[in-house]
Protein backbone atom coordinates (compact mmCIF):
# COMPACT_ATOMS: atom_id res chain seq x y z
CA MET A 1 0.00 -0.01 -0.03
CA LYS A 2 2.65 2.40 0.94
CA LYS A 3 4.62 1.79 -2.32
CA ILE A 4 1.45 2.47 -4.23
CA LEU A 5 0.87 5.77 -2.55
CA ILE A 6 4.50 6.85 -3.11
CA PHE A 7 4.04 5.99 -6.72
CA ILE A 8 0.88 8.19 -6.92
CA SER A 9 2.73 11.01 -5.44
CA ALA A 10 5.68 10.49 -7.77
CA VAL A 11 3.26 10.76 -10.64
CA VAL A 12 1.89 13.90 -9.29
CA LEU A 13 5.39 15.25 -8.84
CA ILE A 14 5.82 15.71 -12.40
CA ALA A 15 9.56 16.76 -12.61
CA SER A 16 12.87 15.54 -13.32
CA CYS A 17 16.42 15.16 -11.70
CA SER A 18 19.84 16.07 -13.15
CA THR A 19 22.09 14.31 -10.56
CA PHE A 20 22.19 11.23 -8.51
CA LYS A 21 24.04 12.98 -5.68
CA LYS A 22 22.63 14.37 -2.70
CA VAL A 23 21.65 17.99 -3.19
CA GLN A 24 24.01 20.17 -1.21
CA VAL A 25 22.84 22.64 1.33
CA LEU A 26 22.32 26.16 -0.06
CA LYS A 27 25.65 27.51 0.86
CA ASN A 28 27.50 24.81 -0.97
CA ALA A 29 25.02 24.46 -3.85
CA LEU A 30 26.63 27.40 -5.61
CA SER A 31 29.99 26.20 -6.85
CA LYS A 32 32.98 27.17 -4.89
CA LYS A 33 35.03 27.76 -8.06
CA ASP A 34 32.45 30.36 -9.02
CA SER A 35 32.46 31.98 -5.64
CA VAL A 36 33.60 35.27 -7.23
CA GLN A 37 30.36 35.44 -9.21
CA VAL A 38 28.08 34.78 -6.19
CA GLN A 39 25.94 37.65 -5.31
CA LEU A 40 25.09 37.65 -1.63
CA ILE A 41 21.86 39.72 -0.82
CA SER A 42 23.50 42.40 1.19
CA LYS A 43 24.00 45.51 -0.99
CA VAL A 44 21.77 48.56 -0.50
CA ASP A 45 20.35 48.27 -3.98
CA SER A 46 19.94 44.52 -3.78
CA SER A 47 16.13 44.80 -2.87
CA VAL A 48 15.48 45.90 -6.52
CA ILE A 49 17.60 43.08 -7.87
CA VAL A 50 15.81 40.52 -5.65
CA LYS A 51 12.42 41.87 -6.56
CA ASN A 52 13.19 41.43 -10.27
CA ILE A 53 14.33 37.90 -9.72
CA VAL A 54 11.35 36.89 -7.79
CA GLU A 55 9.00 38.53 -10.37
CA LYS A 56 10.73 36.62 -13.24
CA ILE A 57 10.25 33.36 -11.26
CA GLU A 58 6.44 34.19 -10.56
CA GLN A 59 6.00 35.00 -14.19
CA THR A 60 6.94 31.58 -15.28
CA LYS A 61 4.05 29.96 -13.25
CA ILE A 62 1.35 28.75 -15.55
CA ASP A 63 -2.17 30.08 -14.77
CA PHE A 64 -5.07 27.90 -15.69
CA LYS A 65 -8.56 26.77 -14.74
CA THR A 66 -8.56 23.15 -15.97
CA MET A 67 -5.91 20.82 -17.40
CA ASN A 68 -5.85 17.33 -19.05
CA ALA A 69 -2.86 15.27 -19.84
CA ARG A 70 -1.74 11.83 -21.04
CA ILE A 71 1.67 10.91 -19.76
CA LYS A 72 4.18 8.11 -20.42
CA VAL A 73 5.87 7.16 -17.07
CA ASP A 74 8.89 5.10 -16.45
CA TYR A 75 9.27 4.29 -12.85
CA GLU A 76 12.20 2.66 -10.94
CA SER A 77 12.87 2.24 -7.31
CA ALA A 78 15.47 0.09 -5.33
CA ASN A 79 13.12 -3.03 -5.72
CA ASN A 80 11.44 -2.75 -9.07
CA ALA A 81 10.87 -0.90 -12.27
CA ASP A 82 8.00 -0.60 -14.56
CA ASN A 83 6.26 1.69 -17.11
CA TYR A 84 2.72 3.06 -17.22
CA ILE A 85 0.42 5.36 -19.08
CA VAL A 86 -1.07 7.87 -16.80
CA ASN A 87 -4.26 10.01 -17.57
CA VAL A 88 -4.58 13.13 -15.46
CA SER A 89 -7.50 15.75 -15.20
CA LEU A 90 -7.13 18.83 -12.97
CA MET A 91 -9.52 21.40 -11.82
CA LYS A 92 -7.79 24.17 -10.24
CA ASP A 93 -7.78 24.46 -6.47
CA SER A 94 -10.38 21.56 -6.39
CA ALA A 95 -9.58 18.09 -7.63
CA ILE A 96 -6.83 15.89 -9.40
CA TYR A 97 -8.12 12.76 -11.20
CA ILE A 98 -5.41 10.12 -11.84
CA THR A 99 -5.87 6.97 -13.83
CA ILE A 100 -2.86 4.51 -14.11
CA ARG A 101 -2.86 1.89 -16.92
CA GLY A 102 -0.33 -0.91 -16.99
CA ALA A 103 0.47 -3.66 -19.61
CA MET A 104 -2.22 -4.12 -22.27
CA GLY A 105 -4.00 -1.01 -21.14
CA VAL A 106 -5.39 -2.57 -18.07
CA ILE A 107 -6.30 -0.08 -15.35
CA GLY A 108 -4.48 -0.92 -12.14
CA LEU A 109 -5.37 2.22 -10.05
CA LYS A 110 -7.47 5.41 -10.01
CA ALA A 111 -6.99 8.21 -7.45
CA LEU A 112 -8.93 11.30 -6.84
CA ILE A 113 -7.08 13.84 -4.74
CA LYS A 114 -8.92 16.84 -3.20
CA LYS A 115 -7.96 19.51 -0.82
CA ASP A 116 -8.48 17.39 2.23
CA SER A 117 -8.97 13.73 0.88
CA VAL A 118 -7.61 10.93 -1.23
CA ASP A 119 -9.88 8.33 -2.81
CA LEU A 120 -8.26 5.17 -4.22
CA ILE A 121 -9.86 2.67 -6.51
CA TYR A 122 -8.29 -0.71 -7.36
CA PRO A 123 -10.33 -2.24 -10.25
CA LEU A 124 -8.43 -5.58 -10.15
CA ARG A 125 -9.29 -6.17 -6.56
CA LYS A 126 -12.17 -8.51 -5.51
CA ASN A 127 -12.56 -7.03 -2.04
CA LYS A 128 -11.86 -3.80 -0.57
CA ASN A 129 -11.30 -2.20 -3.93
CA ILE A 130 -12.00 1.30 -2.61
CA GLU A 131 -10.07 3.15 -0.01
CA HIS A 132 -10.86 6.57 1.39
CA LYS A 133 -7.96 8.51 3.13
CA SER A 134 -7.26 11.96 4.21
CA LEU A 135 -4.68 14.11 2.62
CA SER A 136 -2.85 14.10 5.82
CA TYR A 137 -2.46 10.27 5.51
CA LEU A 138 -0.57 10.80 2.18
CA GLN A 139 1.60 13.52 3.98
CA ASP A 140 2.46 11.01 6.63
CA VAL A 141 3.53 8.40 4.03
CA LEU A 142 5.76 10.91 2.44
CA LYS A 143 6.82 12.66 5.55
CA ILE A 144 6.40 16.03 3.74
CA SER A 145 3.89 18.71 4.79
CA PHE A 146 2.77 19.60 1.13
CA THR A 147 -0.52 21.11 0.28
CA PHE A 148 -3.05 20.42 -2.54
CA GLY A 149 -1.61 23.55 -4.14
CA THR A 150 1.88 21.97 -4.09
CA LEU A 151 0.55 18.97 -5.90
CA GLN A 152 -1.27 21.11 -8.30
CA ASP A 153 1.89 22.99 -9.23
CA LEU A 154 3.84 19.86 -9.67
CA VAL A 155 1.22 18.47 -12.21
CA VAL A 156 1.41 21.67 -14.20
CA GLY A 157 5.16 22.01 -13.94
CA ASN A 158 5.23 25.15 -11.71
CA PRO A 159 7.97 25.70 -9.18
CA ILE A 160 7.24 24.40 -5.62
CA PHE A 161 7.99 25.43 -2.10
CA ILE A 162 8.89 28.97 -2.97
CA GLU A 163 5.92 30.63 -1.42
CA ASN A 164 7.17 32.86 1.46
CA ALA A 165 10.79 31.64 0.79
CA LYS A 166 13.44 34.16 1.24
CA VAL A 167 16.00 34.81 -1.59
CA VAL A 168 19.50 34.49 -0.09
CA SER A 169 21.78 34.34 -2.96
CA TYR A 170 21.94 34.42 -6.88
CA LYS A 171 24.62 34.25 -9.60
CA MET A 172 25.02 33.83 -13.30
CA ASN A 173 26.49 30.43 -13.94
CA SER A 174 29.12 29.54 -16.61
CA SER A 175 26.27 28.90 -19.22
CA ASN A 176 24.83 32.33 -18.68
CA LYS A 177 21.93 31.04 -16.70
CA LEU A 178 20.55 32.60 -13.54
CA GLU A 179 20.61 30.47 -10.47
CA VAL A 180 18.68 31.76 -7.52
CA GLY A 181 18.94 30.33 -4.00
CA MET A 182 15.89 30.47 -1.71
CA LEU A 183 15.35 29.49 1.96
CA GLY A 184 11.82 28.36 3.15
CA SER A 185 10.54 26.79 6.18
CA LEU A 186 10.95 23.09 4.94
CA PHE A 187 13.44 23.23 2.06
CA LYS A 188 16.44 25.06 0.70
CA ASN A 189 15.64 25.69 -2.93
CA LEU A 190 17.90 26.31 -5.89
CA ILE A 191 16.23 27.33 -9.14
CA VAL A 192 18.05 27.51 -12.49
CA LEU A 193 16.31 29.60 -15.26
CA ASN A 194 17.12 29.72 -18.95
CA GLU A 195 18.97 32.60 -20.67
CA ASP A 196 15.92 35.01 -20.75
CA ASN A 197 14.43 33.77 -17.43
CA SER A 198 11.23 32.53 -19.08
CA LYS A 199 11.65 28.90 -18.26
CA ILE A 200 12.61 26.85 -15.25
CA LEU A 201 15.16 24.23 -16.22
CA GLN A 202 16.22 22.93 -12.71
CA LEU A 203 14.67 22.81 -9.35
CA LYS A 204 16.84 21.46 -6.39
CA LEU A 205 15.38 20.88 -2.93
CA ASP A 206 17.33 19.94 0.13
CA ASP A 207 15.61 19.54 3.47
CA VAL A 208 16.23 22.20 5.98
CA ASP A 209 16.29 19.43 8.66
CA ILE A 210 19.51 17.64 7.74
CA MET A 211 18.44 14.66 10.00
CA GLN A 212 15.69 13.82 7.56
CA HIS A 213 18.21 13.25 4.60
CA ARG A 214 15.64 14.15 2.02
CA THR A 215 16.64 15.54 -1.26
CA CYS A 216 14.92 16.05 -4.58
CA ALA A 217 16.46 17.23 -7.86
CA ILE A 218 14.15 18.35 -10.59
CA ALA A 219 14.63 19.33 -14.20
CA TYR A 220 12.29 20.28 -16.98
CA SER A 221 12.88 20.23 -20.76
CA ASN A 222 11.15 20.31 -24.18
CA HIS A 223 9.10 23.36 -23.39
CA VAL A 224 6.26 24.32 -25.61
CA ALA A 225 4.48 27.70 -25.61
CA VAL A 226 1.06 27.93 -23.91
CA ASN A 227 -0.09 31.50 -24.45
CA GLN A 228 2.60 33.56 -22.53
CA TYR A 229 3.74 30.51 -20.46
CA GLN A 230 6.18 27.66 -21.17
CA PHE A 231 5.00 24.09 -20.46
CA PRO A 232 7.67 21.41 -20.06
CA MET A 233 6.76 18.21 -21.92
CA ASN A 234 9.68 16.16 -20.51
CA ARG A 235 10.33 15.86 -16.81
CA GLU A 236 12.46 13.57 -14.63
CA LEU A 237 12.48 13.09 -10.84
CA ILE A 238 14.76 11.58 -8.36
CA ILE A 239 13.78 11.62 -4.67
CA SER A 240 16.20 10.43 -2.08
CA ALA A 241 15.34 9.72 1.46
CA GLN A 242 15.47 6.27 3.24
CA SER A 243 15.64 4.89 -0.50
CA ARG A 244 15.73 6.44 -4.03
CA LEU A 245 12.85 6.91 -6.40
CA GLU A 246 13.34 7.68 -9.97
CA VAL A 247 10.52 8.78 -12.32
CA ARG A 248 10.83 9.86 -15.97
CA MET A 249 7.77 11.31 -17.61
CA GLU A 250 6.96 12.30 -21.27
CA VAL A 251 3.74 14.37 -21.76
CA LYS A 252 2.13 12.87 -24.85
CA GLU A 253 -1.00 15.04 -24.91
CA PHE A 254 -2.32 17.98 -22.95
CA ASN A 255 -4.68 20.89 -22.93
CA PHE A 256 -5.63 23.70 -20.59
CA ASN A 257 -9.08 25.37 -19.96
CA GLU A 258 -11.08 22.69 -21.67
CA PRO A 259 -13.74 20.38 -20.20
CA LEU A 260 -12.17 17.65 -17.96
CA LYS A 261 -11.58 14.51 -19.87
CA TYR A 262 -10.31 11.86 -17.40
CA THR A 263 -12.84 12.14 -14.58
CA PHE A 264 -14.58 9.25 -12.81
CA ALA A 265 -17.14 8.75 -10.21
CA ILE A 266 -16.18 7.03 -6.74
CA PRO A 267 -18.37 3.96 -6.34
CA LYS A 268 -19.85 3.26 -2.94
CA PRO A 269 -17.59 1.13 -0.61
CA GLY A 270 -17.73 -2.47 -1.43
CA LYS A 271 -19.04 -2.14 -4.94
CA ARG A 272 -16.93 -2.54 -8.11
CA LYS A 273 -17.03 0.30 -10.72
């Protein structure tokens, strides 16, 4: 059960990883050899610079009312590996519908995530094929105090854990890309933007509590234009804690602001759909 819930969350965490190493703490995340280029937020005029940086990051966030997507997922953990087709429908600030299909197109799992609940349907089970959980249960499984909004941003490809985070450093790297270091209540966050700051390329999270040993490295690629926004079609994810989870995703189809396509009803307990 726990593995399935972790996989569901990994599907929701549509993202990608650019390194297998543990993400360094923020002070070390910026390369020592480039220390001359590092700008610490201490100058009198730095508030203007910081404001512009944060505004650039905020401008990359996709705004929408609904979203539908069909995603090819390759999943690998320490114990197994598999691939799936995942259909997702999202109503902003309300509900996320997830349908996971395995070999031969057979549906193995459906999940409906709302602001305070998670409903799980196992079509292949003969008994107890429906489970109702609180969102806090999923938080306990992952040991992360995320919100529905966090999951929503991850589905869409928006940056996560930057709300109320303080910008503590920034620099231009050797590839002329802006790296912004932010510090929040849960994670240290290092964001890498493209040359014109219109796309997020990498997002590196390191737990503020070093005893948790939780790290996540995220990368986004193959962006396509959606109005004034950039939507990443390819994402990869590696989460490292007690064990490592790798997920590679390729968005095959998607649309925004159209009727929900992959919704489903929750049967009454004990009845098969």
